[in-house]
Every structure is written in C-alpha cells, then in structure tokens.
C-alpha cells in the first residue's frame, strides 16, 4: 500500500513540477521589455528542482544504502524550493485582481515590462495579455504550494515507511 501511495505522490509531484516549469518559462518568454522578473526565474528553477527530485528519488531506489538519505534530502530541497517560490509569487502579486487593469499594469510579474514614452508609462502588451499573465502567475503560485504539499507528504511517507522497515524486508519506497 505504501509503495502505491508513494508512486502516486511521485507522479503528482512530477506533474506539478512540469506545470510550474512550463508556466514559468512561458511567463519569462512573454516578458516584452527587459528581462524576466527574478521571481519568475526562481519559479522555473523550483519547478525544475521538483522534477529532478522525483528522478533522483526513483534512481536512489537502486541503492538501499542511499535511498533513505538521498530521498529525504531531495524531497526536503524540493519542498523548500516550492514553498519559497509560492510565497515569493504570492507576495509579488500583492493580491492583484485579474480584472483590474490598473493593478495589473503596475505589477511587475504581470505587465510584461514598462517603458516611458512622452513622459507616460506604457506596457508592451495588451490588457488581454496582462489578464492571461495574471491568471498564469496565480496558477504558478497555486501549483508551487501544491508541489510543496506533495513533496512534504512524500518526505513524511518515505520517512515513516523507512522507520517501520518498509514492507519488503527494510526496503525504502521513494
């Protein structure tokens, strides 16, 4: 039963990591003026870390001596990276409403970059594109928090399975 649960959690963690990475890369590519915000870049990193953590934990299965320690470390790092990214994105969004053009215009994660022309600030993207970027950023934050929960659950389940000795003569399921 624990093996099945761990396999399900790892699959979900992989899916969330892919979603976060894809959303973050798309947001970075959609930055019209200047470079992508550091929060967006970090979110892509956090998504990638979750993907790598799943791969490392699966590969660690081949070494009983390393599987516990390696999977604990990988899950811990993935969980912390996802939590930090989710918090940073939520803080940067500042509770912006995706229906409020003014709030979106002045939010660095959403506006695609601003430039000054004739003494006025302008964005390189339309209001419709800002709404899309707003929704993508909110989804990114949500999936980062979900990745944190799943990574933490994987860590706890791996630890408790290891402590009990597993169901296969001391095997660790990661």
Protein backbone atom coordinates (compact mmCIF):
# COMPACT_ATOMS: atom_id res chain seq x y z
CA UNK A 1 0.00 0.00 0.00
CA UNK A 2 2.78 2.49 0.87
CA UNK A 3 4.55 1.75 -2.41
CA UNK A 4 1.40 2.56 -4.36
CA UNK A 5 0.85 5.77 -2.39
CA UNK A 6 4.48 6.84 -2.87
CA UNK A 7 4.23 6.11 -6.60
CA UNK A 8 1.07 8.23 -6.84
CA UNK A 9 2.67 11.09 -4.88
CA UNK A 10 5.81 10.96 -7.05
CA UNK A 11 3.67 11.05 -10.21
CA UNK A 12 1.73 14.05 -8.94
CA UNK A 13 4.95 15.77 -7.87
CA UNK A 14 6.37 15.25 -11.37
CA UNK A 15 3.22 16.64 -12.99
CA UNK A 16 3.20 19.71 -10.72
CA UNK A 17 6.90 20.29 -11.40
CA UNK A 18 6.30 20.15 -15.15
CA UNK A 19 3.33 22.53 -14.89
CA UNK A 20 5.29 25.05 -12.79
CA UNK A 21 8.28 24.88 -15.12
CA UNK A 22 6.10 25.30 -18.23
CA UNK A 23 4.11 28.21 -16.78
CA UNK A 24 7.26 29.98 -15.57
CA UNK A 25 9.09 29.56 -18.87
CA UNK A 26 6.06 30.83 -20.76
CA UNK A 27 5.84 33.86 -18.44
CA UNK A 28 9.56 34.55 -18.89
CA UNK A 29 9.25 34.28 -22.67
CA UNK A 30 6.27 36.66 -22.59
CA UNK A 31 8.32 39.41 -20.95
CA UNK A 32 8.40 42.04 -23.71
CA UNK A 33 10.52 44.75 -22.12
CA UNK A 34 13.59 43.95 -20.03
CA UNK A 35 14.43 40.63 -18.52
CA UNK A 36 12.01 38.33 -16.79
CA UNK A 37 11.39 39.13 -13.10
CA UNK A 38 13.65 37.19 -10.73
CA UNK A 39 10.56 35.65 -9.11
CA UNK A 40 9.53 34.11 -12.43
CA UNK A 41 13.04 32.76 -13.00
CA UNK A 42 13.11 31.30 -9.49
CA UNK A 43 9.72 29.66 -10.05
CA UNK A 44 11.11 27.91 -13.14
CA UNK A 45 14.03 26.75 -11.01
CA UNK A 46 11.65 25.44 -8.31
CA UNK A 47 9.64 23.53 -10.92
CA UNK A 48 12.85 22.02 -12.29
CA UNK A 49 14.01 21.07 -8.78
CA UNK A 50 10.77 19.16 -8.22
CA UNK A 51 11.27 17.26 -11.47
CA UNK A 52 14.89 16.46 -10.57
CA UNK A 53 13.85 15.39 -7.06
CA UNK A 54 11.45 12.80 -8.46
CA UNK A 55 14.12 11.46 -10.83
CA UNK A 56 16.74 11.34 -8.04
CA UNK A 57 14.36 9.53 -5.70
CA UNK A 58 13.49 6.93 -8.32
CA UNK A 59 17.17 6.40 -9.20
CA UNK A 60 18.04 6.15 -5.47
CA UNK A 61 15.92 3.01 -5.31
CA UNK A 62 18.83 1.11 -6.87
CA UNK A 63 20.97 1.69 -3.76
CA UNK A 64 19.43 0.66 -0.44
CA UNK A 65 22.23 2.45 1.44
CA UNK A 66 21.49 5.79 -0.23
CA UNK A 67 17.78 5.66 -0.86
CA UNK A 68 16.63 6.99 2.51
CA UNK A 69 19.13 9.82 2.88
CA UNK A 70 19.05 10.83 -0.76
CA UNK A 71 15.26 10.81 -1.00
CA UNK A 72 14.92 12.77 2.26
CA UNK A 73 17.33 15.42 1.00
CA UNK A 74 15.74 15.61 -2.45
CA UNK A 75 12.21 15.89 -1.05
CA UNK A 76 13.29 18.44 1.55
CA UNK A 77 15.01 20.64 -1.02
CA UNK A 78 12.09 20.31 -3.45
CA UNK A 79 9.58 21.18 -0.73
CA UNK A 80 11.53 24.24 0.43
CA UNK A 81 12.10 25.46 -3.14
CA UNK A 82 8.40 25.13 -3.96
CA UNK A 83 7.34 26.86 -0.75
CA UNK A 84 9.76 29.74 -1.30
CA UNK A 85 8.59 30.16 -4.91
CA UNK A 86 4.93 30.06 -3.95
CA UNK A 87 5.40 32.63 -1.21
CA UNK A 88 7.53 34.91 -3.39
CA UNK A 89 5.00 34.83 -6.23
CA UNK A 90 2.04 35.40 -3.90
CA UNK A 91 3.83 38.34 -2.27
CA UNK A 92 4.79 39.85 -5.64
CA UNK A 93 1.22 39.52 -6.91
CA UNK A 94 0.10 41.63 -3.93
CA UNK A 95 -3.48 40.36 -4.15
CA UNK A 96 -3.95 41.84 -7.61
CA UNK A 97 -7.31 41.23 -9.26
CA UNK A 98 -7.02 39.84 -12.78
CA UNK A 99 -10.00 42.02 -13.74
CA UNK A 100 -8.39 45.27 -12.60
CA UNK A 101 -6.33 46.81 -15.43
CA UNK A 102 -4.74 49.41 -13.15
CA UNK A 103 -3.47 46.81 -10.64
CA UNK A 104 -2.17 44.58 -13.43
CA UNK A 105 -0.42 47.49 -15.18
CA UNK A 106 1.63 48.29 -12.08
CA UNK A 107 2.52 44.70 -11.20
CA UNK A 108 5.97 43.63 -12.45
CA UNK A 109 5.04 39.95 -12.76
CA UNK A 110 2.09 40.78 -14.98
CA UNK A 111 2.78 43.89 -17.08
CA UNK A 112 5.44 42.38 -19.37
CA UNK A 113 7.72 45.35 -18.70
CA UNK A 114 7.10 49.08 -18.84
CA UNK A 115 8.67 51.82 -20.93
CA UNK A 116 8.37 55.60 -20.90
CA UNK A 117 7.18 57.47 -23.98
CA UNK A 118 6.29 61.15 -24.00
CA UNK A 119 6.53 61.20 -20.21
CA UNK A 120 4.00 58.38 -19.77
CA UNK A 121 4.49 54.78 -18.73
CA UNK A 122 3.39 52.21 -21.28
CA UNK A 123 3.31 48.44 -21.36
CA UNK A 124 4.42 46.39 -24.33
CA UNK A 125 1.41 44.09 -24.02
CA UNK A 126 -2.36 44.49 -24.18
CA UNK A 127 -4.81 44.33 -21.29
CA UNK A 128 -5.97 40.93 -22.53
CA UNK A 129 -2.39 39.65 -22.44
CA UNK A 130 -2.00 41.05 -18.93
CA UNK A 131 -5.11 39.18 -17.82
CA UNK A 132 -3.64 35.98 -19.24
CA UNK A 133 -0.32 36.63 -17.48
CA UNK A 134 -2.16 37.40 -14.24
CA UNK A 135 -4.01 34.08 -14.37
CA UNK A 136 -0.80 32.22 -15.26
CA UNK A 137 1.04 33.76 -12.30
CA UNK A 138 -1.79 32.84 -9.92
CA UNK A 139 -1.78 29.28 -11.27
CA UNK A 140 2.02 29.17 -10.91
CA UNK A 141 1.77 30.16 -7.24
CA UNK A 142 -1.01 27.63 -6.61
CA UNK A 143 0.92 24.76 -8.20
CA UNK A 144 4.03 25.71 -6.24
CA UNK A 145 2.07 25.46 -3.00
CA UNK A 146 0.60 22.14 -4.14
CA UNK A 147 4.09 20.90 -5.05
CA UNK A 148 5.21 21.85 -1.54
CA UNK A 149 2.38 19.81 -0.02
CA UNK A 150 3.08 16.78 -2.20
CA UNK A 151 6.86 16.94 -1.62
CA UNK A 152 6.29 17.18 2.12
CA UNK A 153 3.85 14.26 2.01
CA UNK A 154 6.39 12.20 0.05
CA UNK A 155 9.07 13.04 2.59
CA UNK A 156 6.88 12.08 5.55
CA UNK A 157 5.66 8.87 3.92
CA UNK A 158 9.20 7.85 2.89
CA UNK A 159 10.43 8.52 6.40
CA UNK A 160 7.64 6.59 8.13
CA UNK A 161 7.99 3.69 5.69
CA UNK A 162 11.75 3.58 6.34
CA UNK A 163 11.23 3.78 10.13
CA UNK A 164 8.80 0.84 10.06
CA UNK A 165 11.24 -1.12 7.97
CA UNK A 166 9.06 -0.96 4.86
CA UNK A 167 7.07 -3.89 3.63
CA UNK A 168 9.85 -5.62 1.76
CA UNK A 169 12.44 -6.52 4.37
CA UNK A 170 13.64 -2.99 5.06
CA UNK A 171 13.12 -1.62 1.57
CA UNK A 172 12.59 2.10 1.20
CA UNK A 173 9.96 3.31 -1.22
CA UNK A 174 10.73 6.61 -2.84
